[in-house]
Amino acid sequence: MPFLELKVATMKKKRIKRTTGLNCQENSEETRCCRHPLTVDFESFGWDWVIAPKSYEANYCSGECPNVYFQNYPHTHLVHLASPSSTAGRCCAPRKMSAITMLYFDKNLNIVFGLLPGMVVERCGCS
């Protein structure tokens, strides 16, 4: 007759935090690719059709992408090797974006509540 013996053990697994990218302050001297703060003020653009928010934190990416980042993004490395003269090379760019909600007037002066995707840079990286 077959016999099956099972032992159940509970093991605590440590959660590993993913790299969330580098965040820099306004006057940071960091040269690597990182996310910088940027406040967009719709009133300063003269956009009186935006009801709310009047401003929001958009952020932006800036910085250098040294060769060490190639190991994280092998596609960029291969493209650079395959056609170095036609590629712009590595660049610091948004890796994760999020939306904002906005209340605004449309062209018929109706009040619209909308979700605008890709308006906030959450994380930057080299690509």
C-alpha atoms as a PDB file:
ATOM      1  CA  MET A   1       0.000   0.000   0.000  1.00  0.00           C
ATOM      2  CA  PRO A   2       1.405   3.467  -0.917  1.00  0.00           C
ATOM      3  CA  PHE A   3       2.364   5.767   1.900  1.00  0.00           C
ATOM      4  CA  LEU A   4       2.720   9.559   1.729  1.00  0.00           C
ATOM      5  CA  GLU A   5       4.185  11.606   4.529  1.00  0.00           C
ATOM      6  CA  LEU A   6       4.036  15.422   4.423  1.00  0.00           C
ATOM      7  CA  LYS A   7       5.742  17.860   6.723  1.00  0.00           C
ATOM      8  CA  VAL A   8       4.616  21.465   6.734  1.00  0.00           C
ATOM      9  CA  ALA A   9       6.969  24.085   8.007  1.00  0.00           C
ATOM     10  CA  THR A  10       6.313  27.778   8.173  1.00  0.00           C
ATOM     11  CA  MET A  11       9.246  29.812   7.008  1.00  0.00           C
ATOM     12  CA  LYS A  12       9.493  33.543   7.323  1.00  0.00           C
ATOM     13  CA  LYS A  13      10.439  35.039   4.026  1.00  0.00           C
ATOM     14  CA  LYS A  14      12.115  38.388   3.920  1.00  0.00           C
ATOM     15  CA  ARG A  15      10.609  40.762   1.442  1.00  0.00           C
ATOM     16  CA  ILE A  16      13.112  42.391  -0.828  1.00  0.00           C
ATOM     17  CA  LYS A  17      12.396  45.980  -1.672  1.00  0.00           C
ATOM     18  CA  ARG A  18      12.738  46.764  -5.348  1.00  0.00           C
ATOM     19  CA  THR A  19      14.933  49.575  -6.478  1.00  0.00           C
ATOM     20  CA  THR A  20      12.699  52.596  -6.681  1.00  0.00           C
ATOM     21  CA  GLY A  21      15.150  54.867  -8.423  1.00  0.00           C
ATOM     22  CA  LEU A  22      17.040  57.810  -7.111  1.00  0.00           C
ATOM     23  CA  ASN A  23      15.250  60.911  -5.850  1.00  0.00           C
ATOM     24  CA  CYS A  24      17.099  64.213  -5.864  1.00  0.00           C
ATOM     25  CA  GLN A  25      16.301  67.475  -4.174  1.00  0.00           C
ATOM     26  CA  GLU A  26      15.974  70.766  -6.019  1.00  0.00           C
ATOM     27  CA  ASN A  27      19.586  71.891  -5.541  1.00  0.00           C
ATOM     28  CA  SER A  28      21.135  68.428  -5.569  1.00  0.00           C
ATOM     29  CA  GLU A  29      24.654  67.955  -6.914  1.00  0.00           C
ATOM     30  CA  GLU A  30      23.884  64.345  -7.896  1.00  0.00           C
ATOM     31  CA  THR A  31      25.027  63.624 -11.462  1.00  0.00           C
ATOM     32  CA  ARG A  32      23.402  60.179 -11.856  1.00  0.00           C
ATOM     33  CA  CYS A  33      19.950  59.765 -13.369  1.00  0.00           C
ATOM     34  CA  CYS A  34      17.369  60.739 -10.764  1.00  0.00           C
ATOM     35  CA  ARG A  35      13.914  62.216 -10.262  1.00  0.00           C
ATOM     36  CA  HIS A  36      13.839  65.944  -9.570  1.00  0.00           C
ATOM     37  CA  PRO A  37      10.884  67.891  -8.173  1.00  0.00           C
ATOM     38  CA  LEU A  38       8.913  70.098 -10.551  1.00  0.00           C
ATOM     39  CA  THR A  39       5.739  71.970  -9.709  1.00  0.00           C
ATOM     40  CA  VAL A  40       3.486  72.760 -12.654  1.00  0.00           C
ATOM     41  CA  ASP A  41       1.355  75.843 -12.049  1.00  0.00           C
ATOM     42  CA  PHE A  42      -1.526  76.050 -14.543  1.00  0.00           C
ATOM     43  CA  GLU A  43      -2.303  79.658 -13.608  1.00  0.00           C
ATOM     44  CA  SER A  44       1.218  80.742 -14.591  1.00  0.00           C
ATOM     45  CA  PHE A  45       0.553  79.269 -18.061  1.00  0.00           C
ATOM     46  CA  GLY A  46      -2.640  81.301 -18.278  1.00  0.00           C
ATOM     47  CA  TRP A  47      -4.744  78.150 -18.339  1.00  0.00           C
ATOM     48  CA  ASP A  48      -7.877  79.575 -16.731  1.00  0.00           C
ATOM     49  CA  TRP A  49      -9.924  76.653 -18.091  1.00  0.00           C
ATOM     50  CA  VAL A  50      -8.404  74.391 -15.402  1.00  0.00           C
ATOM     51  CA  ILE A  51     -10.577  74.538 -12.290  1.00  0.00           C
ATOM     52  CA  ALA A  52      -8.584  72.164 -10.073  1.00  0.00           C
ATOM     53  CA  PRO A  53      -5.874  71.494  -9.278  1.00  0.00           C
ATOM     54  CA  LYS A  54      -4.334  74.884  -9.864  1.00  0.00           C
ATOM     55  CA  SER A  55      -0.906  73.254  -9.602  1.00  0.00           C
ATOM     56  CA  TYR A  56       0.591  69.784  -9.066  1.00  0.00           C
ATOM     57  CA  GLU A  57       3.910  68.003  -8.562  1.00  0.00           C
ATOM     58  CA  ALA A  58       4.905  66.658 -11.994  1.00  0.00           C
ATOM     59  CA  ASN A  59       8.606  65.844 -11.364  1.00  0.00           C
ATOM     60  CA  TYR A  60      11.144  65.237 -14.131  1.00  0.00           C
ATOM     61  CA  CYS A  61      14.122  62.998 -14.883  1.00  0.00           C
ATOM     62  CA  SER A  62      17.640  64.255 -15.413  1.00  0.00           C
ATOM     63  CA  GLY A  63      21.185  63.012 -15.039  1.00  0.00           C
ATOM     64  CA  GLU A  64      23.885  60.866 -16.543  1.00  0.00           C
ATOM     65  CA  CYS A  65      23.618  57.195 -17.426  1.00  0.00           C
ATOM     66  CA  PRO A  66      27.091  55.655 -17.164  1.00  0.00           C
ATOM     67  CA  ASN A  67      27.992  52.296 -18.707  1.00  0.00           C
ATOM     68  CA  VAL A  68      27.361  50.531 -15.401  1.00  0.00           C
ATOM     69  CA  TYR A  69      23.612  50.837 -16.075  1.00  0.00           C
ATOM     70  CA  PHE A  70      23.908  48.701 -19.213  1.00  0.00           C
ATOM     71  CA  GLN A  71      23.670  45.566 -17.096  1.00  0.00           C
ATOM     72  CA  ASN A  72      20.167  46.592 -15.980  1.00  0.00           C
ATOM     73  CA  TYR A  73      18.973  47.362 -19.522  1.00  0.00           C
ATOM     74  CA  PRO A  74      20.741  45.032 -21.982  1.00  0.00           C
ATOM     75  CA  HIS A  75      18.491  46.142 -24.853  1.00  0.00           C
ATOM     76  CA  THR A  76      19.979  49.644 -24.710  1.00  0.00           C
ATOM     77  CA  HIS A  77      23.480  48.178 -24.762  1.00  0.00           C
ATOM     78  CA  LEU A  78      22.740  45.987 -27.786  1.00  0.00           C
ATOM     79  CA  VAL A  79      21.115  48.830 -29.733  1.00  0.00           C
ATOM     80  CA  HIS A  80      24.115  51.037 -28.997  1.00  0.00           C
ATOM     81  CA  LEU A  81      26.525  48.332 -30.199  1.00  0.00           C
ATOM     82  CA  ALA A  82      24.469  47.531 -33.305  1.00  0.00           C
ATOM     83  CA  SER A  83      24.148  51.080 -34.598  1.00  0.00           C
ATOM     84  CA  PRO A  84      26.092  53.558 -32.454  1.00  0.00           C
ATOM     85  CA  SER A  85      25.970  56.374 -35.002  1.00  0.00           C
ATOM     86  CA  SER A  86      22.185  56.360 -35.359  1.00  0.00           C
ATOM     87  CA  THR A  87      21.280  56.128 -31.678  1.00  0.00           C
ATOM     88  CA  ALA A  88      21.190  58.957 -29.202  1.00  0.00           C
ATOM     89  CA  GLY A  89      22.759  56.710 -26.586  1.00  0.00           C
ATOM     90  CA  ARG A  90      21.664  56.186 -23.047  1.00  0.00           C
ATOM     91  CA  CYS A  91      19.268  58.689 -21.577  1.00  0.00           C
ATOM     92  CA  CYS A  92      17.629  59.346 -18.248  1.00  0.00           C
ATOM     93  CA  ALA A  93      13.898  58.912 -18.728  1.00  0.00           C
ATOM     94  CA  PRO A  94      10.703  58.185 -16.774  1.00  0.00           C
ATOM     95  CA  ARG A  95      10.272  54.506 -15.857  1.00  0.00           C
ATOM     96  CA  LYS A  96       6.961  54.853 -14.036  1.00  0.00           C
ATOM     97  CA  MET A  97       4.265  57.471 -14.528  1.00  0.00           C
ATOM     98  CA  SER A  98       0.982  58.077 -12.748  1.00  0.00           C
ATOM     99  CA  ALA A  99      -2.182  60.009 -13.450  1.00  0.00           C
ATOM    100  CA  ILE A 100      -3.761  63.096 -11.953  1.00  0.00           C
ATOM    101  CA  THR A 101      -7.426  63.913 -11.647  1.00  0.00           C
ATOM    102  CA  MET A 102      -8.476  67.237 -13.034  1.00  0.00           C
ATOM    103  CA  LEU A 103     -11.588  69.386 -13.058  1.00  0.00           C
ATOM    104  CA  TYR A 104     -11.760  71.642 -16.114  1.00  0.00           C
ATOM    105  CA  PHE A 105     -13.989  73.370 -18.649  1.00  0.00           C
ATOM    106  CA  ASP A 106     -14.295  71.779 -22.104  1.00  0.00           C
ATOM    107  CA  LYS A 107     -14.721  73.778 -25.339  1.00  0.00           C
ATOM    108  CA  ASN A 108     -18.498  74.039 -24.704  1.00  0.00           C
ATOM    109  CA  LEU A 109     -17.876  75.350 -21.164  1.00  0.00           C
ATOM    110  CA  ASN A 110     -19.118  72.123 -19.576  1.00  0.00           C
ATOM    111  CA  ILE A 111     -17.383  71.129 -16.367  1.00  0.00           C
ATOM    112  CA  VAL A 112     -15.462  67.872 -16.852  1.00  0.00           C
ATOM    113  CA  PHE A 113     -13.905  65.641 -14.204  1.00  0.00           C
ATOM    114  CA  GLY A 114     -11.195  63.566 -15.827  1.00  0.00           C
ATOM    115  CA  LEU A 115      -8.256  61.309 -15.139  1.00  0.00           C
ATOM    116  CA  LEU A 116      -5.172  62.340 -17.119  1.00  0.00           C
ATOM    117  CA  PRO A 117      -2.651  59.479 -17.424  1.00  0.00           C
ATOM    118  CA  GLY A 118       1.111  59.949 -17.585  1.00  0.00           C
ATOM    119  CA  MET A 119       1.231  63.305 -15.806  1.00  0.00           C
ATOM    120  CA  VAL A 120       3.452  62.533 -12.790  1.00  0.00           C
ATOM    121  CA  VAL A 121       6.941  60.991 -12.948  1.00  0.00           C
ATOM    122  CA  GLU A 122       7.127  58.423 -10.146  1.00  0.00           C
ATOM    123  CA  ARG A 123      10.464  56.783 -11.020  1.00  0.00           C
ATOM    124  CA  CYS A 124      13.370  57.468 -13.384  1.00  0.00           C
ATOM    125  CA  GLY A 125      15.918  55.170 -14.954  1.00  0.00           C
ATOM    126  CA  CYS A 126      18.384  54.851 -17.794  1.00  0.00           C
ATOM    127  CA  SER A 127      17.160  53.558 -21.121  1.00  0.00           C
END
